[in-house]
Amino acid sequence: MYLTKETFAEQTGKGRTVVLFSASQSVLGNKYFTELTTTFPDLPIFRVDIDKQRDLAADTNIRVSPIVFVFQDGEILDKYMWNQKDALICILRS
């Protein structure tokens, strides 16, 4: 599910949530999202298309993509670059 600026706060404010920021046509972003949703089917995982949601990407200070943010009750718990997948999986399993 893609998030917009309007739905972002509501969806990231409930428990642990994962948000992948990537360009809509990013093959790497698409693969990464599929891997996360398959590995963690019970965890809310969302995407933000940084091409369509430029304001949201700017508000969240996105400088590179794909990048994954882990939220806990609306606060940023951590963030991971696409090449830090092992570290992300460790934190999500804890």
C-alpha atoms as a PDB file:
ATOM      1  CA  MET A   1       0.000   0.000   0.000  1.00  0.00           C
ATOM      2  CA  TYR A   2       1.274   3.433  -0.917  1.00  0.00           C
ATOM      3  CA  LEU A   3       1.123   6.227   1.637  1.00  0.00           C
ATOM      4  CA  THR A   4       0.412   9.855   0.914  1.00  0.00           C
ATOM      5  CA  LYS A   5       1.099  12.915   3.020  1.00  0.00           C
ATOM      6  CA  GLU A   6      -2.492  12.696   4.244  1.00  0.00           C
ATOM      7  CA  THR A   7      -2.303   9.039   5.374  1.00  0.00           C
ATOM      8  CA  PHE A   8       1.297   8.967   6.600  1.00  0.00           C
ATOM      9  CA  ALA A   9       0.802  10.116  10.222  1.00  0.00           C
ATOM     10  CA  GLU A  10      -2.245   7.913  10.751  1.00  0.00           C
ATOM     11  CA  GLN A  11      -0.550   4.757   9.476  1.00  0.00           C
ATOM     12  CA  THR A  12       2.819   5.251  11.193  1.00  0.00           C
ATOM     13  CA  GLY A  13       1.309   6.107  14.571  1.00  0.00           C
ATOM     14  CA  LYS A  14       0.117   2.598  15.407  1.00  0.00           C
ATOM     15  CA  GLY A  15       2.695   0.254  16.949  1.00  0.00           C
ATOM     16  CA  ARG A  16       5.614  -0.834  14.803  1.00  0.00           C
ATOM     17  CA  THR A  17       5.375   0.137  11.145  1.00  0.00           C
ATOM     18  CA  VAL A  18       7.835  -0.074   8.269  1.00  0.00           C
ATOM     19  CA  VAL A  19       7.885   2.467   5.430  1.00  0.00           C
ATOM     20  CA  LEU A  20       9.946   2.073   2.266  1.00  0.00           C
ATOM     21  CA  PHE A  21      10.711   5.304   0.423  1.00  0.00           C
ATOM     22  CA  SER A  22      11.600   4.700  -3.223  1.00  0.00           C
ATOM     23  CA  ALA A  23      10.926   5.888  -6.741  1.00  0.00           C
ATOM     24  CA  SER A  24       7.902   4.267  -8.351  1.00  0.00           C
ATOM     25  CA  GLN A  25       9.938   2.785 -11.201  1.00  0.00           C
ATOM     26  CA  SER A  26      12.763   1.535  -8.975  1.00  0.00           C
ATOM     27  CA  VAL A  27      13.380  -2.145  -9.692  1.00  0.00           C
ATOM     28  CA  LEU A  28      15.474  -2.371  -6.531  1.00  0.00           C
ATOM     29  CA  GLY A  29      12.718  -0.704  -4.476  1.00  0.00           C
ATOM     30  CA  ASN A  30      10.083  -3.063  -5.873  1.00  0.00           C
ATOM     31  CA  LYS A  31      12.213  -6.121  -5.113  1.00  0.00           C
ATOM     32  CA  TYR A  32      13.024  -4.884  -1.615  1.00  0.00           C
ATOM     33  CA  PHE A  33       9.345  -4.198  -0.840  1.00  0.00           C
ATOM     34  CA  THR A  34       8.334  -7.669  -2.040  1.00  0.00           C
ATOM     35  CA  GLU A  35      11.025  -9.314   0.086  1.00  0.00           C
ATOM     36  CA  LEU A  36       9.938  -7.409   3.206  1.00  0.00           C
ATOM     37  CA  THR A  37       6.234  -8.145   2.803  1.00  0.00           C
ATOM     38  CA  THR A  38       6.967 -11.831   2.172  1.00  0.00           C
ATOM     39  CA  THR A  39       9.341 -12.144   5.143  1.00  0.00           C
ATOM     40  CA  PHE A  40       7.074 -10.218   7.547  1.00  0.00           C
ATOM     41  CA  PRO A  41       3.476 -10.839   6.430  1.00  0.00           C
ATOM     42  CA  ASP A  42       1.961  -9.690   9.754  1.00  0.00           C
ATOM     43  CA  LEU A  43       3.882  -6.410   9.945  1.00  0.00           C
ATOM     44  CA  PRO A  44       2.379  -3.248   8.433  1.00  0.00           C
ATOM     45  CA  ILE A  45       4.731  -2.343   5.569  1.00  0.00           C
ATOM     46  CA  PHE A  46       3.993   0.648   3.367  1.00  0.00           C
ATOM     47  CA  ARG A  47       5.625   2.472   0.473  1.00  0.00           C
ATOM     48  CA  VAL A  48       6.041   6.112  -0.331  1.00  0.00           C
ATOM     49  CA  ASP A  49       6.593   6.952  -3.990  1.00  0.00           C
ATOM     50  CA  ILE A  50       9.117   9.776  -3.715  1.00  0.00           C
ATOM     51  CA  ASP A  51       8.352  10.891  -7.273  1.00  0.00           C
ATOM     52  CA  LYS A  52       4.671  11.483  -6.496  1.00  0.00           C
ATOM     53  CA  GLN A  53       5.022  12.467  -2.814  1.00  0.00           C
ATOM     54  CA  ARG A  54       7.865  14.991  -3.027  1.00  0.00           C
ATOM     55  CA  ASP A  55       6.583  17.006  -0.049  1.00  0.00           C
ATOM     56  CA  LEU A  56       6.469  13.930   2.173  1.00  0.00           C
ATOM     57  CA  ALA A  57       9.951  12.867   1.062  1.00  0.00           C
ATOM     58  CA  ALA A  58      11.225  16.364   1.854  1.00  0.00           C
ATOM     59  CA  ASP A  59       9.451  16.424   5.242  1.00  0.00           C
ATOM     60  CA  THR A  60      11.111  13.110   6.123  1.00  0.00           C
ATOM     61  CA  ASN A  61      14.480  14.346   4.811  1.00  0.00           C
ATOM     62  CA  ILE A  62      14.905  11.615   2.192  1.00  0.00           C
ATOM     63  CA  ARG A  63      18.223  12.078   0.405  1.00  0.00           C
ATOM     64  CA  VAL A  64      18.772   8.594  -1.058  1.00  0.00           C
ATOM     65  CA  SER A  65      16.495   5.754  -2.024  1.00  0.00           C
ATOM     66  CA  PRO A  66      15.441   3.147  -1.491  1.00  0.00           C
ATOM     67  CA  ILE A  67      15.545   3.712   2.249  1.00  0.00           C
ATOM     68  CA  VAL A  68      13.462   2.046   4.947  1.00  0.00           C
ATOM     69  CA  PHE A  69      12.203   3.743   8.088  1.00  0.00           C
ATOM     70  CA  VAL A  70      11.012   1.768  11.090  1.00  0.00           C
ATOM     71  CA  PHE A  71       8.445   3.637  13.194  1.00  0.00           C
ATOM     72  CA  GLN A  72       7.237   2.822  16.687  1.00  0.00           C
ATOM     73  CA  ASP A  73       4.049   4.647  17.731  1.00  0.00           C
ATOM     74  CA  GLY A  74       4.701   7.534  15.343  1.00  0.00           C
ATOM     75  CA  GLU A  75       8.371   8.057  16.211  1.00  0.00           C
ATOM     76  CA  ILE A  76      11.289   7.060  13.994  1.00  0.00           C
ATOM     77  CA  LEU A  77      12.933   4.065  15.630  1.00  0.00           C
ATOM     78  CA  ASP A  78      15.610   3.594  12.981  1.00  0.00           C
ATOM     79  CA  LYS A  79      16.347   3.884   9.267  1.00  0.00           C
ATOM     80  CA  TYR A  80      18.199   1.609   6.892  1.00  0.00           C
ATOM     81  CA  MET A  81      19.673   1.966   3.445  1.00  0.00           C
ATOM     82  CA  TRP A  82      18.746  -0.728   0.913  1.00  0.00           C
ATOM     83  CA  ASN A  83      22.154  -2.386   1.379  1.00  0.00           C
ATOM     84  CA  GLN A  84      21.614  -2.797   5.158  1.00  0.00           C
ATOM     85  CA  LYS A  85      18.961  -5.470   4.699  1.00  0.00           C
ATOM     86  CA  ASP A  86      20.474  -7.884   7.234  1.00  0.00           C
ATOM     87  CA  ALA A  87      20.481  -5.225   9.970  1.00  0.00           C
ATOM     88  CA  LEU A  88      16.883  -4.308   9.148  1.00  0.00           C
ATOM     89  CA  ILE A  89      15.748  -7.928   9.335  1.00  0.00           C
ATOM     90  CA  CYS A  90      17.473  -8.305  12.710  1.00  0.00           C
ATOM     91  CA  ILE A  91      15.672  -5.281  14.183  1.00  0.00           C
ATOM     92  CA  LEU A  92      12.314  -6.414  12.764  1.00  0.00           C
ATOM     93  CA  ARG A  93      12.698  -9.868  14.270  1.00  0.00           C
ATOM     94  CA  SER A  94      13.453  -8.464  17.736  1.00  0.00           C
END
